[in-house]
């Protein structure tokens, strides 16, 4: 499970960088429509972030407060 979470974390970073770079390129050259061509990257980013959120580990501290352990 940790290997899958590690892979998804790395893919989230890569897809985020692709989205940011496409947004910047689209800002400088709007006629190329870079943001229209990265829909697959954005969908994978959204799905992997949701999976990471659902599979996070939670531990209970001494006084009953929950602490998220990633």
Protein backbone atom coordinates (compact mmCIF):
# COMPACT_ATOMS: atom_id res chain seq x y z
CA UNK A 1 0.00 0.00 0.00
CA UNK A 2 2.88 2.37 0.73
CA UNK A 3 4.32 1.80 -2.74
CA UNK A 4 0.99 2.68 -4.35
CA UNK A 5 0.69 5.81 -2.20
CA UNK A 6 4.26 6.77 -3.10
CA UNK A 7 3.57 6.28 -6.80
CA UNK A 8 0.36 8.32 -6.59
CA UNK A 9 2.15 11.09 -4.69
CA UNK A 10 4.81 11.34 -7.37
CA UNK A 11 2.23 11.31 -10.13
CA UNK A 12 0.30 14.09 -8.38
CA UNK A 13 3.41 16.26 -8.38
CA UNK A 14 4.12 15.51 -12.05
CA UNK A 15 0.52 16.19 -13.15
CA UNK A 16 0.45 19.40 -11.11
CA UNK A 17 3.62 20.64 -12.79
CA UNK A 18 2.24 19.76 -16.22
CA UNK A 19 -0.95 21.68 -15.44
CA UNK A 20 0.94 24.73 -14.17
CA UNK A 21 3.28 24.78 -17.18
CA UNK A 22 0.37 24.40 -19.61
CA UNK A 23 -1.48 27.25 -17.88
CA UNK A 24 1.59 29.51 -18.17
CA UNK A 25 2.14 28.58 -21.83
CA UNK A 26 -1.53 29.17 -22.54
CA UNK A 27 -1.30 32.57 -20.88
CA UNK A 28 1.55 33.63 -23.18
CA UNK A 29 0.16 31.98 -26.32
CA UNK A 30 -3.62 31.48 -26.06
CA UNK A 31 -4.01 30.37 -29.68
CA UNK A 32 -2.19 27.05 -29.08
CA UNK A 33 -4.80 25.91 -26.48
CA UNK A 34 -2.39 24.03 -24.21
CA UNK A 35 -4.93 23.66 -21.41
CA UNK A 36 -7.36 21.96 -23.79
CA UNK A 37 -4.85 19.18 -24.51
CA UNK A 38 -4.05 18.12 -20.93
CA UNK A 39 -7.49 16.91 -19.85
CA UNK A 40 -6.19 13.39 -19.19
CA UNK A 41 -3.46 14.65 -16.89
CA UNK A 42 -5.94 16.73 -14.94
CA UNK A 43 -8.40 13.84 -14.55
CA UNK A 44 -5.61 11.57 -13.32
CA UNK A 45 -4.55 14.29 -10.89
CA UNK A 46 -8.07 14.65 -9.48
CA UNK A 47 -8.61 10.89 -9.12
CA UNK A 48 -5.21 10.26 -7.51
CA UNK A 49 -5.67 13.09 -5.00
CA UNK A 50 -9.05 11.66 -3.99
CA UNK A 51 -7.56 8.16 -3.60
CA UNK A 52 -4.73 9.56 -1.47
CA UNK A 53 -7.27 11.38 0.68
CA UNK A 54 -9.37 8.26 1.23
CA UNK A 55 -6.41 6.00 2.04
CA UNK A 56 -4.62 8.21 4.54
CA UNK A 57 -3.67 6.71 7.88
CA UNK A 58 -4.98 8.17 11.12
CA UNK A 59 -3.54 7.57 14.55
CA UNK A 60 -5.02 8.51 17.90
CA UNK A 61 -2.89 10.55 20.29
CA UNK A 62 -3.02 10.39 24.08
CA UNK A 63 -5.81 12.86 24.70
CA UNK A 64 -8.18 11.53 22.05
CA UNK A 65 -7.20 13.95 19.31
CA UNK A 66 -6.62 12.48 15.91
CA UNK A 67 -3.38 13.10 14.11
CA UNK A 68 -3.01 12.40 10.42
CA UNK A 69 0.00 10.21 9.66
CA UNK A 70 0.93 10.21 5.99
